[in-house]
N, C-alpha and C. Protein backbone atom coordinates (compact mmCIF):
# COMPACT_ATOMS: atom_id res chain seq x y z
N ILE A 1 -11.55 7.04 0.07
CA ILE A 1 -10.46 8.00 0.27
C ILE A 1 -9.40 7.71 -0.78
N SER A 2 -9.18 8.62 -1.69
CA SER A 2 -8.15 8.38 -2.69
C SER A 2 -6.86 9.05 -2.24
N VAL A 3 -5.76 8.46 -2.61
CA VAL A 3 -4.45 8.87 -2.14
C VAL A 3 -3.57 9.09 -3.37
N ILE A 4 -2.65 10.05 -3.29
CA ILE A 4 -1.73 10.24 -4.40
C ILE A 4 -0.52 9.35 -4.16
N MET A 5 -0.59 8.16 -4.71
CA MET A 5 0.46 7.15 -4.56
C MET A 5 0.39 6.26 -5.78
N GLU A 6 1.44 5.46 -5.97
CA GLU A 6 1.40 4.48 -7.05
C GLU A 6 1.48 3.10 -6.46
N CYS A 7 0.76 2.18 -7.05
CA CYS A 7 0.87 0.78 -6.62
C CYS A 7 2.22 0.24 -7.08
N PRO A 8 2.99 -0.38 -6.18
CA PRO A 8 4.30 -0.89 -6.59
C PRO A 8 4.21 -2.09 -7.53
N ARG A 9 3.05 -2.74 -7.60
CA ARG A 9 2.92 -3.91 -8.48
C ARG A 9 2.57 -3.51 -9.90
N CYS A 10 1.54 -2.66 -10.05
CA CYS A 10 1.05 -2.40 -11.40
C CYS A 10 1.19 -0.94 -11.81
N GLY A 11 1.63 -0.07 -10.89
CA GLY A 11 1.83 1.33 -11.24
C GLY A 11 0.57 2.15 -11.31
N SER A 12 -0.58 1.56 -10.95
CA SER A 12 -1.83 2.31 -10.96
C SER A 12 -1.79 3.40 -9.90
N ASP A 13 -2.32 4.58 -10.24
CA ASP A 13 -2.33 5.64 -9.23
C ASP A 13 -3.72 5.81 -8.62
N ASP A 14 -4.61 4.85 -8.85
CA ASP A 14 -5.93 4.88 -8.22
C ASP A 14 -5.86 4.03 -6.96
N VAL A 15 -5.49 4.66 -5.86
CA VAL A 15 -5.16 3.95 -4.63
C VAL A 15 -6.04 4.45 -3.50
N ARG A 16 -6.54 3.51 -2.69
CA ARG A 16 -7.36 3.86 -1.53
C ARG A 16 -6.68 3.43 -0.25
N LYS A 17 -7.01 4.14 0.83
CA LYS A 17 -6.55 3.71 2.15
C LYS A 17 -7.43 2.58 2.65
N LEU A 18 -6.80 1.59 3.27
CA LEU A 18 -7.56 0.47 3.84
C LEU A 18 -7.60 0.48 5.36
N GLY A 19 -6.72 1.21 6.00
CA GLY A 19 -6.66 1.16 7.46
C GLY A 19 -5.29 0.72 7.92
N HIS A 20 -5.13 0.59 9.22
CA HIS A 20 -3.82 0.30 9.79
C HIS A 20 -3.69 -1.16 10.17
N ILE A 21 -2.47 -1.62 10.12
CA ILE A 21 -2.11 -2.93 10.68
C ILE A 21 -1.15 -2.64 11.82
N ILE A 22 -1.37 -3.27 12.94
CA ILE A 22 -0.45 -3.11 14.06
C ILE A 22 0.53 -4.28 14.02
N SER A 23 1.79 -3.98 13.85
CA SER A 23 2.80 -5.03 13.87
C SER A 23 3.72 -4.79 15.05
N ARG A 24 4.68 -5.67 15.21
CA ARG A 24 5.60 -5.50 16.34
C ARG A 24 6.42 -4.23 16.19
N ARG A 25 6.59 -3.76 14.97
CA ARG A 25 7.40 -2.55 14.77
C ARG A 25 6.54 -1.29 14.76
N GLY A 26 5.27 -1.42 15.05
CA GLY A 26 4.43 -0.22 15.08
C GLY A 26 3.29 -0.30 14.08
N LYS A 27 2.69 0.87 13.82
CA LYS A 27 1.53 0.91 12.95
C LYS A 27 1.97 1.06 11.50
N LYS A 28 1.29 0.35 10.62
CA LYS A 28 1.51 0.52 9.18
C LYS A 28 0.19 0.87 8.54
N GLN A 29 0.23 1.80 7.59
CA GLN A 29 -0.96 2.14 6.83
C GLN A 29 -1.06 1.20 5.64
N ARG A 30 -2.20 0.54 5.48
CA ARG A 30 -2.40 -0.33 4.32
C ARG A 30 -3.09 0.44 3.21
N TYR A 31 -2.75 0.13 1.98
CA TYR A 31 -3.38 0.73 0.81
C TYR A 31 -3.81 -0.36 -0.15
N GLN A 32 -4.81 -0.05 -0.96
CA GLN A 32 -5.21 -0.98 -2.01
C GLN A 32 -5.43 -0.20 -3.30
N CYS A 33 -4.91 -0.72 -4.41
CA CYS A 33 -5.12 -0.05 -5.69
C CYS A 33 -6.35 -0.61 -6.38
N ILE A 34 -6.73 -0.01 -7.48
CA ILE A 34 -7.96 -0.35 -8.19
C ILE A 34 -7.94 -1.80 -8.68
N ASN A 35 -6.75 -2.37 -8.88
CA ASN A 35 -6.65 -3.75 -9.34
C ASN A 35 -6.62 -4.77 -8.20
N GLY A 36 -6.79 -4.29 -6.98
CA GLY A 36 -6.89 -5.21 -5.86
C GLY A 36 -5.58 -5.55 -5.18
N HIS A 37 -4.48 -4.91 -5.58
CA HIS A 37 -3.21 -5.16 -4.91
C HIS A 37 -3.19 -4.39 -3.59
N THR A 38 -2.82 -5.07 -2.52
CA THR A 38 -2.66 -4.36 -1.25
C THR A 38 -1.17 -4.21 -0.95
N PHE A 39 -0.82 -3.08 -0.36
CA PHE A 39 0.58 -2.82 -0.02
C PHE A 39 0.61 -1.82 1.12
N TYR A 40 1.82 -1.50 1.57
CA TYR A 40 2.01 -0.61 2.71
C TYR A 40 2.77 0.62 2.28
N ASN A 41 2.75 1.63 3.15
CA ASN A 41 3.37 2.90 2.76
C ASN A 41 4.87 2.95 3.01
N GLU A 42 5.43 1.93 3.64
CA GLU A 42 6.88 1.91 3.78
C GLU A 42 7.45 1.51 2.43
N LYS A 43 8.29 2.36 1.86
CA LYS A 43 8.69 2.16 0.48
C LYS A 43 9.38 0.82 0.25
N ASP A 44 10.34 0.50 1.12
CA ASP A 44 11.07 -0.75 0.90
C ASP A 44 10.15 -1.96 1.06
N TYR A 45 9.21 -1.86 2.01
CA TYR A 45 8.28 -2.95 2.23
C TYR A 45 7.34 -3.11 1.03
N ALA A 46 6.87 -1.99 0.51
CA ALA A 46 5.95 -2.03 -0.63
C ALA A 46 6.64 -2.65 -1.85
N VAL A 47 7.91 -2.33 -2.04
CA VAL A 47 8.63 -2.88 -3.18
C VAL A 47 8.79 -4.39 -3.01
N LYS A 48 9.15 -4.84 -1.82
CA LYS A 48 9.29 -6.27 -1.58
C LYS A 48 7.97 -6.99 -1.80
N LYS A 49 6.89 -6.40 -1.28
CA LYS A 49 5.58 -7.02 -1.38
C LYS A 49 5.12 -7.09 -2.84
N GLY A 50 5.56 -6.13 -3.66
CA GLY A 50 5.08 -6.05 -5.02
C GLY A 50 5.72 -7.05 -5.97
N LYS A 51 6.76 -7.77 -5.51
CA LYS A 51 7.47 -8.66 -6.44
C LYS A 51 6.81 -10.00 -6.60
């Protein structure tokens, strides 16, 4: 499943959905880019994770 998104680490736009993670704050959608970086769809979280 390809998604129109950019990886916050490398800027690649070849991104796939990985499934959901259930956290205490609810469900998060996980994504993975072609270079193997995984991140989430919450923008602020994705930026923090990408650093």
